[in-house]
Protein backbone atom coordinates (compact mmCIF):
# COMPACT_ATOMS: atom_id res chain seq x y z
CA UNK A 1 30.07 27.27 80.45
CA UNK A 2 31.67 30.63 81.13
CA UNK A 3 33.46 32.16 78.16
CA UNK A 4 36.08 34.84 78.67
CA UNK A 5 35.11 37.86 76.54
CA UNK A 6 37.03 37.97 73.29
CA UNK A 7 38.42 41.39 72.49
CA UNK A 8 39.80 42.92 69.33
CA UNK A 9 42.71 45.12 70.35
CA UNK A 10 42.46 47.63 67.54
CA UNK A 11 41.56 48.34 63.98
CA UNK A 12 44.06 51.17 63.93
CA UNK A 13 46.26 49.98 61.07
CA UNK A 14 44.90 50.30 57.56
CA UNK A 15 43.65 46.84 56.65
CA UNK A 16 45.26 45.01 53.77
CA UNK A 17 43.71 42.19 51.84
CA UNK A 18 46.94 40.24 52.16
CA UNK A 19 46.62 40.02 55.95
CA UNK A 20 45.22 36.80 57.38
CA UNK A 21 41.64 36.69 58.55
CA UNK A 22 41.01 36.82 62.29
CA UNK A 23 39.12 34.17 64.21
CA UNK A 24 36.09 36.45 64.25
CA UNK A 25 36.27 37.18 60.52
CA UNK A 26 36.49 33.46 59.78
CA UNK A 27 33.47 32.77 62.00
CA UNK A 28 31.41 35.54 60.40
CA UNK A 29 32.36 34.26 56.96
CA UNK A 30 31.19 30.78 58.00
CA UNK A 31 27.88 32.07 59.37
CA UNK A 32 27.23 34.37 56.41
CA UNK A 33 28.03 32.06 53.50
CA UNK A 34 29.46 28.76 54.78
CA UNK A 35 32.83 30.19 53.68
CA UNK A 36 31.82 30.60 50.06
CA UNK A 37 34.68 32.17 48.09
CA UNK A 38 33.03 33.25 44.83
CA UNK A 39 29.67 33.17 43.08
CA UNK A 40 28.01 33.21 46.50
CA UNK A 41 24.25 33.22 46.72
CA UNK A 42 22.75 36.63 47.44
CA UNK A 43 21.32 36.71 50.94
CA UNK A 44 18.69 38.61 52.85
CA UNK A 45 16.19 38.27 50.01
CA UNK A 46 18.76 39.39 47.44
CA UNK A 47 19.83 42.48 49.40
CA UNK A 48 23.31 41.24 50.41
CA UNK A 49 26.12 39.91 48.23
CA UNK A 50 29.43 38.10 48.45
CA UNK A 51 31.19 35.89 50.97
CA UNK A 52 30.38 38.24 53.87
CA UNK A 53 26.87 39.12 52.62
CA UNK A 54 27.41 42.87 52.32
CA UNK A 55 24.47 45.24 51.92
CA UNK A 56 24.74 48.24 49.63
CA UNK A 57 24.39 50.68 52.54
CA UNK A 58 27.24 49.06 54.44
CA UNK A 59 29.45 49.17 51.38
CA UNK A 60 28.55 52.76 50.53
CA UNK A 61 29.55 53.86 54.06
CA UNK A 62 33.14 52.78 53.48
CA UNK A 63 33.70 52.73 49.71
CA UNK A 64 36.67 54.54 48.23
CA UNK A 65 37.28 56.07 44.83
CA UNK A 66 36.13 54.02 41.88
CA UNK A 67 35.24 50.88 43.81
CA UNK A 68 32.09 49.11 42.70
CA UNK A 69 29.51 47.36 44.87
CA UNK A 70 29.96 44.23 42.75
CA UNK A 71 33.55 44.05 44.04
CA UNK A 72 31.97 42.68 47.24
CA UNK A 73 31.59 39.37 45.38
CA UNK A 74 35.28 38.66 46.09
CA UNK A 75 36.53 37.49 49.46
CA UNK A 76 39.53 39.82 49.74
CA UNK A 77 37.47 42.91 49.01
CA UNK A 78 34.66 41.74 51.30
CA UNK A 79 37.16 41.45 54.16
CA UNK A 80 38.47 44.92 53.30
CA UNK A 81 34.92 46.33 53.51
CA UNK A 82 34.33 44.52 56.81
CA UNK A 83 37.51 45.97 58.31
CA UNK A 84 36.78 49.49 57.12
CA UNK A 85 33.26 49.26 58.55
CA UNK A 86 34.58 48.11 61.90
CA UNK A 87 37.26 50.77 61.91
CA UNK A 88 34.47 53.31 61.53
CA UNK A 89 31.83 51.87 63.87
CA UNK A 90 33.44 49.43 66.35
CA UNK A 91 35.55 52.03 68.11
CA UNK A 92 36.15 52.68 71.76
CA UNK A 93 34.99 56.26 71.25
CA UNK A 94 31.62 55.16 69.83
CA UNK A 95 31.01 52.22 72.15
CA UNK A 96 32.51 53.57 75.36
CA UNK A 97 34.72 50.48 75.63
CA UNK A 98 37.07 48.42 73.49
CA UNK A 99 34.93 46.49 71.01
CA UNK A 100 34.42 42.83 71.85
CA UNK A 101 33.81 40.11 69.31
CA UNK A 102 30.16 40.29 70.34
CA UNK A 103 29.98 44.03 69.63
CA UNK A 104 31.62 43.58 66.25
CA UNK A 105 29.45 40.67 65.17
CA UNK A 106 26.28 42.48 66.22
CA UNK A 107 27.35 45.66 64.39
CA UNK A 108 28.00 43.58 61.28
CA UNK A 109 24.54 42.07 61.53
CA UNK A 110 22.57 45.11 62.64
CA UNK A 111 24.41 48.19 61.43
CA UNK A 112 26.29 50.85 63.40
CA UNK A 113 24.07 50.45 66.47
CA UNK A 114 23.57 46.71 66.06
CA UNK A 115 25.47 46.06 69.28
CA UNK A 116 22.46 47.56 71.12
CA UNK A 117 19.73 45.70 69.23
CA UNK A 118 18.02 42.67 70.70
CA UNK A 119 17.51 41.39 67.16
CA UNK A 120 21.26 40.76 66.74
CA UNK A 121 21.73 38.56 69.81
CA UNK A 122 20.83 35.33 67.98
CA UNK A 123 23.32 36.19 65.24
CA UNK A 124 26.04 36.69 67.85
CA UNK A 125 25.24 33.30 69.38
CA UNK A 126 25.68 31.66 65.96
CA UNK A 127 29.04 33.39 65.49
CA UNK A 128 30.11 32.52 69.05
CA UNK A 129 29.15 28.87 68.53
CA UNK A 130 31.27 28.82 65.37
CA UNK A 131 34.25 30.28 67.24
CA UNK A 132 33.91 27.78 70.09
CA UNK A 133 33.57 24.86 67.65
CA UNK A 134 36.64 26.04 65.74
CA UNK A 135 38.62 26.37 68.95
CA UNK A 136 37.67 22.82 69.99
CA UNK A 137 38.75 21.50 66.58
CA UNK A 138 42.09 23.30 66.92
CA UNK A 139 42.59 21.62 70.31
CA UNK A 140 42.29 18.13 68.82
């Protein structure tokens, strides 16, 4: 089955927690925590927290002011961190092309250069499968 590449147009606007989650964000949330909203199990041997399983290093790259790492336990803030991280690392300037869903998912899983790492391919396939399944459910 050939899948047309999914592309995120831009992360140019400052993200707000009141904005709806994108298809990709919903899929990553599903893969990371089965869409847990609060009191989510720590992942990656206790190194990642919250609904989007955020590592301290990821959070510290994009934190602002008096924000606390523990804030990542909430869904809205986790999405905010995700969007800030992508705004920093999933850029056309860095990648040499507009970031695809695959690029973004692999960066989320493997860090700023995750889109180049073989180790993130399986993660992308899990996210892609979730997107395809969701799309099929929407069609019914």
